Amino acid sequence: MDAAGAAAFVRHWFDLVNYAYATGNTEPVVAVSTPKCESCSNTVATIDDQYSNGGRIEGGQITVVGAESPAPEPNRPVLVTTVYSQAPLASVTAGGETSTESPAEENETVGFFIEWSDDAWTAVGIGEG
């Protein structure tokens, strides 16, 4: 449990979201997110909804450009200031039509709250940095 580990967890969480975009499998994201993380739940619900109807998500690859954390304190959430970029994303229907599109985002900053519990990090909240 240190600042480097906190930053590494945030990078890992976004890797799991990238995996979910590509496959529709959101279980790994759910496994490392608490139910109180509304942004986490909304991300999972969006992906689940898209894939449950036979659709898919194209693109959307998230790259963490930077993640900085203060030294974590036991039993307290840690704010990891995260800078990321995201490729353009398209939601595609089962019939192959694009239903929604999101443009690329470059060097966006978000505050990512995580906590250490049971010898593991979990996501507890995501908000504007």
N, C-alpha and C. Protein backbone atom coordinates (compact mmCIF):
# COMPACT_ATOMS: atom_id res chain seq x y z
N MET A 1 0.85 -1.18 0.00
CA MET A 1 0.00 0.00 0.00
C MET A 1 0.89 1.24 0.00
N ASP A 2 1.14 1.79 -1.20
CA ASP A 2 1.93 3.00 -1.31
C ASP A 2 1.43 3.80 -2.51
N ALA A 3 2.00 4.98 -2.71
CA ALA A 3 1.55 5.86 -3.78
C ALA A 3 1.72 5.22 -5.16
N ALA A 4 2.81 4.51 -5.37
CA ALA A 4 3.04 3.84 -6.66
C ALA A 4 1.99 2.76 -6.90
N GLY A 5 1.65 2.03 -5.85
CA GLY A 5 0.62 1.00 -5.97
C GLY A 5 -0.74 1.58 -6.27
N ALA A 6 -1.05 2.72 -5.65
CA ALA A 6 -2.33 3.39 -5.91
C ALA A 6 -2.42 3.82 -7.37
N ALA A 7 -1.35 4.41 -7.89
CA ALA A 7 -1.33 4.84 -9.29
C ALA A 7 -1.43 3.63 -10.22
N ALA A 8 -0.74 2.56 -9.88
CA ALA A 8 -0.80 1.34 -10.71
C ALA A 8 -2.21 0.76 -10.73
N PHE A 9 -2.91 0.82 -9.59
CA PHE A 9 -4.28 0.31 -9.57
C PHE A 9 -5.17 1.09 -10.52
N VAL A 10 -5.04 2.40 -10.52
CA VAL A 10 -5.87 3.22 -11.42
C VAL A 10 -5.59 2.85 -12.88
N ARG A 11 -4.34 2.67 -13.23
CA ARG A 11 -4.01 2.25 -14.60
C ARG A 11 -4.66 0.89 -14.91
N HIS A 12 -4.60 0.00 -13.94
CA HIS A 12 -5.20 -1.33 -14.10
C HIS A 12 -6.71 -1.23 -14.29
N TRP A 13 -7.37 -0.37 -13.51
CA TRP A 13 -8.82 -0.22 -13.62
C TRP A 13 -9.20 0.22 -15.04
N PHE A 14 -8.48 1.19 -15.58
CA PHE A 14 -8.77 1.63 -16.95
C PHE A 14 -8.46 0.54 -17.97
N ASP A 15 -7.44 -0.28 -17.74
CA ASP A 15 -7.18 -1.43 -18.62
C ASP A 15 -8.37 -2.39 -18.61
N LEU A 16 -8.98 -2.58 -17.44
CA LEU A 16 -10.15 -3.45 -17.35
C LEU A 16 -11.35 -2.86 -18.10
N VAL A 17 -11.48 -1.55 -18.07
CA VAL A 17 -12.56 -0.91 -18.84
C VAL A 17 -12.29 -1.10 -20.33
N ASN A 18 -11.04 -0.94 -20.76
CA ASN A 18 -10.70 -1.18 -22.17
C ASN A 18 -11.06 -2.61 -22.57
N TYR A 19 -10.76 -3.55 -21.71
CA TYR A 19 -11.11 -4.95 -21.97
C TYR A 19 -12.63 -5.11 -22.09
N ALA A 20 -13.36 -4.46 -21.21
CA ALA A 20 -14.83 -4.55 -21.24
C ALA A 20 -15.38 -3.93 -22.52
N TYR A 21 -14.82 -2.80 -22.96
CA TYR A 21 -15.25 -2.20 -24.23
C TYR A 21 -15.08 -3.19 -25.37
N ALA A 22 -13.96 -3.88 -25.39
CA ALA A 22 -13.63 -4.78 -26.50
C ALA A 22 -14.41 -6.08 -26.46
N THR A 23 -14.77 -6.56 -25.26
CA THR A 23 -15.36 -7.89 -25.13
C THR A 23 -16.79 -7.93 -24.60
N GLY A 24 -17.20 -6.86 -23.92
CA GLY A 24 -18.50 -6.87 -23.26
C GLY A 24 -18.46 -7.50 -21.88
N ASN A 25 -17.31 -8.02 -21.46
CA ASN A 25 -17.17 -8.66 -20.16
C ASN A 25 -16.82 -7.60 -19.11
N THR A 26 -17.80 -7.23 -18.30
CA THR A 26 -17.59 -6.20 -17.28
C THR A 26 -17.28 -6.78 -15.90
N GLU A 27 -17.28 -8.10 -15.76
CA GLU A 27 -17.04 -8.70 -14.44
C GLU A 27 -15.72 -8.26 -13.81
N PRO A 28 -14.61 -8.16 -14.55
CA PRO A 28 -13.38 -7.70 -13.91
C PRO A 28 -13.48 -6.27 -13.35
N VAL A 29 -14.21 -5.38 -14.03
CA VAL A 29 -14.39 -4.01 -13.52
C VAL A 29 -15.22 -4.05 -12.24
N VAL A 30 -16.28 -4.82 -12.25
CA VAL A 30 -17.14 -4.95 -11.07
C VAL A 30 -16.35 -5.48 -9.88
N ALA A 31 -15.46 -6.44 -10.14
CA ALA A 31 -14.70 -7.09 -9.07
C ALA A 31 -13.79 -6.12 -8.32
N VAL A 32 -13.36 -5.04 -8.97
CA VAL A 32 -12.44 -4.11 -8.32
C VAL A 32 -13.08 -2.74 -8.05
N SER A 33 -14.41 -2.69 -8.09
CA SER A 33 -15.14 -1.45 -7.84
C SER A 33 -16.18 -1.69 -6.76
N THR A 34 -16.33 -0.73 -5.86
CA THR A 34 -17.36 -0.85 -4.84
C THR A 34 -18.71 -0.41 -5.40
N PRO A 35 -19.80 -0.93 -4.85
CA PRO A 35 -21.12 -0.50 -5.31
C PRO A 35 -21.37 1.00 -5.15
N LYS A 36 -20.67 1.65 -4.21
CA LYS A 36 -20.88 3.08 -4.00
C LYS A 36 -20.21 3.94 -5.08
N CYS A 37 -19.42 3.34 -5.96
CA CYS A 37 -18.80 4.08 -7.06
C CYS A 37 -19.81 4.21 -8.19
N GLU A 38 -20.53 5.33 -8.21
CA GLU A 38 -21.57 5.54 -9.22
C GLU A 38 -21.02 5.58 -10.64
N SER A 39 -19.88 6.24 -10.82
CA SER A 39 -19.29 6.29 -12.16
C SER A 39 -18.91 4.90 -12.65
N CYS A 40 -18.39 4.08 -11.72
CA CYS A 40 -18.04 2.70 -12.08
C CYS A 40 -19.30 1.94 -12.51
N SER A 41 -20.36 2.06 -11.70
CA SER A 41 -21.62 1.37 -11.99
C SER A 41 -22.21 1.85 -13.30
N ASN A 42 -22.14 3.16 -13.57
CA ASN A 42 -22.68 3.70 -14.82
C ASN A 42 -21.90 3.19 -16.03
N THR A 43 -20.58 3.11 -15.89
CA THR A 43 -19.74 2.58 -16.98
C THR A 43 -20.11 1.14 -17.28
N VAL A 44 -20.22 0.34 -16.22
CA VAL A 44 -20.58 -1.08 -16.37
C VAL A 44 -21.97 -1.21 -17.00
N ALA A 45 -22.93 -0.42 -16.53
CA ALA A 45 -24.30 -0.51 -17.06
C ALA A 45 -24.35 -0.15 -18.54
N THR A 46 -23.60 0.86 -18.94
CA THR A 46 -23.57 1.27 -20.35
C THR A 46 -23.02 0.15 -21.23
N ILE A 47 -21.92 -0.44 -20.79
CA ILE A 47 -21.31 -1.53 -21.56
C ILE A 47 -22.24 -2.75 -21.59
N ASP A 48 -22.77 -3.12 -20.43
CA ASP A 48 -23.68 -4.27 -20.37
C ASP A 48 -24.89 -4.08 -21.27
N ASP A 49 -25.46 -2.89 -21.25
CA ASP A 49 -26.64 -2.60 -22.08
C ASP A 49 -26.31 -2.72 -23.56
N GLN A 50 -25.17 -2.19 -23.96
CA GLN A 50 -24.78 -2.24 -25.38
C GLN A 50 -24.61 -3.68 -25.85
N TYR A 51 -23.93 -4.49 -25.07
CA TYR A 51 -23.66 -5.86 -25.48
C TYR A 51 -24.86 -6.78 -25.29
N SER A 52 -25.74 -6.49 -24.34
CA SER A 52 -26.90 -7.37 -24.10
C SER A 52 -27.87 -7.36 -25.27
N ASN A 53 -27.85 -6.30 -26.04
CA ASN A 53 -28.74 -6.19 -27.19
C ASN A 53 -28.07 -6.66 -28.48
N GLY A 54 -26.94 -7.35 -28.36
CA GLY A 54 -26.25 -7.85 -29.53
C GLY A 54 -25.33 -6.84 -30.19
N GLY A 55 -25.20 -5.68 -29.56
CA GLY A 55 -24.34 -4.64 -30.12
C GLY A 55 -22.90 -4.81 -29.65
N ARG A 56 -22.14 -3.78 -29.93
CA ARG A 56 -20.74 -3.79 -29.52
C ARG A 56 -20.26 -2.35 -29.39
N ILE A 57 -19.08 -2.21 -28.83
CA ILE A 57 -18.44 -0.91 -28.73
C ILE A 57 -17.16 -0.98 -29.56
N GLU A 58 -16.97 0.03 -30.40
CA GLU A 58 -15.76 0.10 -31.20
C GLU A 58 -14.94 1.29 -30.73
N GLY A 59 -13.64 1.06 -30.58
CA GLY A 59 -12.75 2.13 -30.15
C GLY A 59 -12.90 2.42 -28.67
N GLY A 60 -12.63 3.66 -28.32
CA GLY A 60 -12.76 4.08 -26.94
C GLY A 60 -11.56 3.77 -26.06
N GLN A 61 -10.49 3.25 -26.64
CA GLN A 61 -9.31 2.87 -25.87
C GLN A 61 -8.86 4.03 -24.99
N ILE A 62 -8.72 3.77 -23.70
CA ILE A 62 -8.29 4.78 -22.74
C ILE A 62 -6.82 4.55 -22.42
N THR A 63 -6.06 5.63 -22.48
CA THR A 63 -4.64 5.59 -22.13
C THR A 63 -4.42 6.53 -20.96
N VAL A 64 -3.91 6.00 -19.86
CA VAL A 64 -3.58 6.84 -18.72
C VAL A 64 -2.25 7.50 -19.00
N VAL A 65 -2.27 8.82 -19.07
CA VAL A 65 -1.08 9.61 -19.37
C VAL A 65 -0.27 9.84 -18.09
N GLY A 66 -0.98 9.98 -16.98
CA GLY A 66 -0.31 10.19 -15.70
C GLY A 66 -1.26 9.89 -14.56
N ALA A 67 -0.71 9.43 -13.45
CA ALA A 67 -1.49 9.16 -12.24
C ALA A 67 -0.61 9.47 -11.04
N GLU A 68 -1.07 10.40 -10.21
CA GLU A 68 -0.29 10.80 -9.04
C GLU A 68 -1.13 10.65 -7.79
N SER A 69 -0.50 10.14 -6.76
CA SER A 69 -1.19 9.89 -5.50
C SER A 69 -0.33 10.35 -4.33
N PRO A 70 -0.95 10.91 -3.31
CA PRO A 70 -0.19 11.15 -2.08
C PRO A 70 0.04 9.81 -1.38
N ALA A 71 0.85 9.81 -0.37
CA ALA A 71 1.07 8.57 0.40
C ALA A 71 -0.26 8.16 1.03
N PRO A 72 -0.72 6.95 0.78
CA PRO A 72 -1.99 6.50 1.32
C PRO A 72 -1.93 6.36 2.85
N GLU A 73 -3.08 6.62 3.46
CA GLU A 73 -3.23 6.42 4.89
C GLU A 73 -4.18 5.26 5.11
N PRO A 74 -3.91 4.42 6.10
CA PRO A 74 -4.80 3.28 6.36
C PRO A 74 -6.24 3.73 6.61
N ASN A 75 -7.17 2.97 6.06
CA ASN A 75 -8.61 3.17 6.28
C ASN A 75 -9.13 4.52 5.80
N ARG A 76 -8.48 5.13 4.82
CA ARG A 76 -8.94 6.40 4.27
C ARG A 76 -8.87 6.33 2.75
N PRO A 77 -9.89 6.84 2.08
CA PRO A 77 -9.82 6.88 0.62
C PRO A 77 -8.64 7.73 0.16
N VAL A 78 -8.08 7.36 -0.97
CA VAL A 78 -6.96 8.06 -1.56
C VAL A 78 -7.43 8.69 -2.88
N LEU A 79 -7.08 9.95 -3.07
CA LEU A 79 -7.40 10.61 -4.32
C LEU A 79 -6.19 10.51 -5.25
N VAL A 80 -6.39 9.82 -6.37
CA VAL A 80 -5.33 9.70 -7.38
C VAL A 80 -5.72 10.65 -8.52
N THR A 81 -4.93 11.68 -8.70
CA THR A 81 -5.17 12.61 -9.79
C THR A 81 -4.70 11.94 -11.07
N THR A 82 -5.64 11.76 -11.98
CA THR A 82 -5.39 10.95 -13.17
C THR A 82 -5.59 11.77 -14.44
N VAL A 83 -4.63 11.73 -15.33
CA VAL A 83 -4.74 12.36 -16.64
C VAL A 83 -4.82 11.24 -17.67
N TYR A 84 -5.83 11.32 -18.54
CA TYR A 84 -6.03 10.26 -19.52
C TYR A 84 -6.42 10.83 -20.87
N SER A 85 -6.25 10.02 -21.88
CA SER A 85 -6.74 10.32 -23.23
C SER A 85 -7.58 9.13 -23.66
N GLN A 86 -8.60 9.41 -24.48
CA GLN A 86 -9.48 8.34 -24.95
C GLN A 86 -9.71 8.49 -26.44
N ALA A 87 -9.57 7.38 -27.15
CA ALA A 87 -9.81 7.34 -28.59
C ALA A 87 -11.31 7.51 -28.86
N PRO A 88 -11.68 7.91 -30.07
CA PRO A 88 -13.09 8.01 -30.40
C PRO A 88 -13.80 6.68 -30.13
N LEU A 89 -15.05 6.77 -29.70
CA LEU A 89 -15.83 5.58 -29.34
C LEU A 89 -17.13 5.58 -30.13
N ALA A 90 -17.52 4.41 -30.60
CA ALA A 90 -18.79 4.26 -31.30
C ALA A 90 -19.55 3.08 -30.72
N SER A 91 -20.83 3.30 -30.44
CA SER A 91 -21.72 2.21 -30.05
C SER A 91 -22.40 1.72 -31.32
N VAL A 92 -22.27 0.43 -31.58
CA VAL A 92 -22.78 -0.15 -32.82
C VAL A 92 -23.89 -1.14 -32.48
N THR A 93 -25.02 -1.04 -33.17
CA THR A 93 -26.15 -1.92 -32.92
C THR A 93 -25.88 -3.32 -33.46
N ALA A 94 -26.75 -4.25 -33.10
CA ALA A 94 -26.64 -5.62 -33.60
C ALA A 94 -26.71 -5.65 -35.12
N GLY A 95 -27.41 -4.70 -35.71
CA GLY A 95 -27.54 -4.62 -37.17
C GLY A 95 -26.37 -3.94 -37.85
N GLY A 96 -25.39 -3.48 -37.07
CA GLY A 96 -24.20 -2.86 -37.64
C GLY A 96 -24.26 -1.36 -37.81
N GLU A 97 -25.34 -0.73 -37.33
CA GLU A 97 -25.46 0.71 -37.45
C GLU A 97 -24.86 1.39 -36.22
N THR A 98 -24.21 2.52 -36.44
CA THR A 98 -23.67 3.29 -35.32
C THR A 98 -24.81 4.05 -34.66
N SER A 99 -25.01 3.79 -33.36
CA SER A 99 -26.10 4.46 -32.64
C SER A 99 -25.63 5.71 -31.92
N THR A 100 -24.43 5.70 -31.39
CA THR A 100 -23.87 6.89 -30.75
C THR A 100 -22.37 6.94 -31.02
N GLU A 101 -21.85 8.14 -31.00
CA GLU A 101 -20.41 8.33 -31.18
C GLU A 101 -19.93 9.36 -30.16
N SER A 102 -18.73 9.15 -29.68
CA SER A 102 -18.08 10.12 -28.78
C SER A 102 -16.73 10.46 -29.39
N PRO A 103 -16.40 11.76 -29.42
CA PRO A 103 -15.11 12.15 -30.00
C PRO A 103 -13.95 11.78 -29.08
N ALA A 104 -12.77 11.87 -29.62
CA ALA A 104 -11.55 11.63 -28.83
C ALA A 104 -11.44 12.69 -27.75
N GLU A 105 -10.82 12.31 -26.66
CA GLU A 105 -10.53 13.24 -25.57
C GLU A 105 -9.03 13.18 -25.32
N GLU A 106 -8.43 14.33 -25.12
CA GLU A 106 -6.98 14.39 -24.92
C GLU A 106 -6.67 15.04 -23.58
N ASN A 107 -5.83 14.39 -22.81
CA ASN A 107 -5.31 14.94 -21.56
C ASN A 107 -6.39 15.48 -20.63
N GLU A 108 -7.41 14.67 -20.42
CA GLU A 108 -8.48 15.00 -19.47
C GLU A 108 -8.00 14.65 -18.07
N THR A 109 -8.41 15.43 -17.08
CA THR A 109 -8.03 15.17 -15.70
C THR A 109 -9.25 14.75 -14.91
N VAL A 110 -9.07 13.71 -14.12
CA VAL A 110 -10.16 13.21 -13.29
C VAL A 110 -9.60 12.83 -11.92
N GLY A 111 -10.38 13.05 -10.90
CA GLY A 111 -10.02 12.59 -9.57
C GLY A 111 -10.56 11.18 -9.37
N PHE A 112 -9.71 10.24 -9.05
CA PHE A 112 -10.10 8.84 -8.92
C PHE A 112 -9.89 8.44 -7.46
N PHE A 113 -10.98 8.14 -6.76
CA PHE A 113 -10.89 7.77 -5.35
C PHE A 113 -10.83 6.25 -5.22
N ILE A 114 -9.84 5.79 -4.48
CA ILE A 114 -9.69 4.36 -4.24
C ILE A 114 -9.46 4.15 -2.75
N GLU A 115 -9.66 2.92 -2.31
CA GLU A 115 -9.34 2.62 -0.91
C GLU A 115 -8.75 1.23 -0.81
N TRP A 116 -7.96 1.05 0.24
CA TRP A 116 -7.28 -0.20 0.51
C TRP A 116 -8.11 -0.96 1.54
N SER A 117 -8.52 -2.17 1.19
CA SER A 117 -9.31 -2.99 2.10
C SER A 117 -9.07 -4.45 1.77
N ASP A 118 -8.96 -5.27 2.79
CA ASP A 118 -8.74 -6.71 2.58
C ASP A 118 -7.55 -6.98 1.65
N ASP A 119 -6.49 -6.22 1.85
CA ASP A 119 -5.24 -6.38 1.09
C ASP A 119 -5.39 -6.15 -0.40
N ALA A 120 -6.32 -5.27 -0.79
CA ALA A 120 -6.51 -4.96 -2.20
C ALA A 120 -7.08 -3.55 -2.37
N TRP A 121 -6.76 -2.92 -3.48
CA TRP A 121 -7.37 -1.64 -3.82
C TRP A 121 -8.74 -1.85 -4.45
N THR A 122 -9.66 -0.93 -4.21
CA THR A 122 -10.95 -0.92 -4.90
C THR A 122 -11.29 0.52 -5.26
N ALA A 123 -12.02 0.68 -6.37
CA ALA A 123 -12.47 1.99 -6.80
C ALA A 123 -13.70 2.37 -5.98
N VAL A 124 -13.72 3.60 -5.46
CA VAL A 124 -14.87 4.05 -4.67
C VAL A 124 -15.54 5.29 -5.25
N GLY A 125 -14.88 5.96 -6.20
CA GLY A 125 -15.50 7.12 -6.80
C GLY A 125 -14.61 7.75 -7.86
N ILE A 126 -15.26 8.36 -8.84
CA ILE A 126 -14.55 9.04 -9.92
C ILE A 126 -15.26 10.37 -10.14
N GLY A 127 -14.48 11.44 -10.20
CA GLY A 127 -15.07 12.76 -10.41
C GLY A 127 -14.10 13.67 -11.10
N GLU A 128 -14.56 14.84 -11.41
CA GLU A 128 -13.71 15.82 -12.08
C GLU A 128 -12.56 16.20 -11.18
N GLY A 129 -11.38 16.29 -11.76
CA GLY A 129 -10.19 16.63 -11.00
C GLY A 129 -9.97 18.11 -10.87
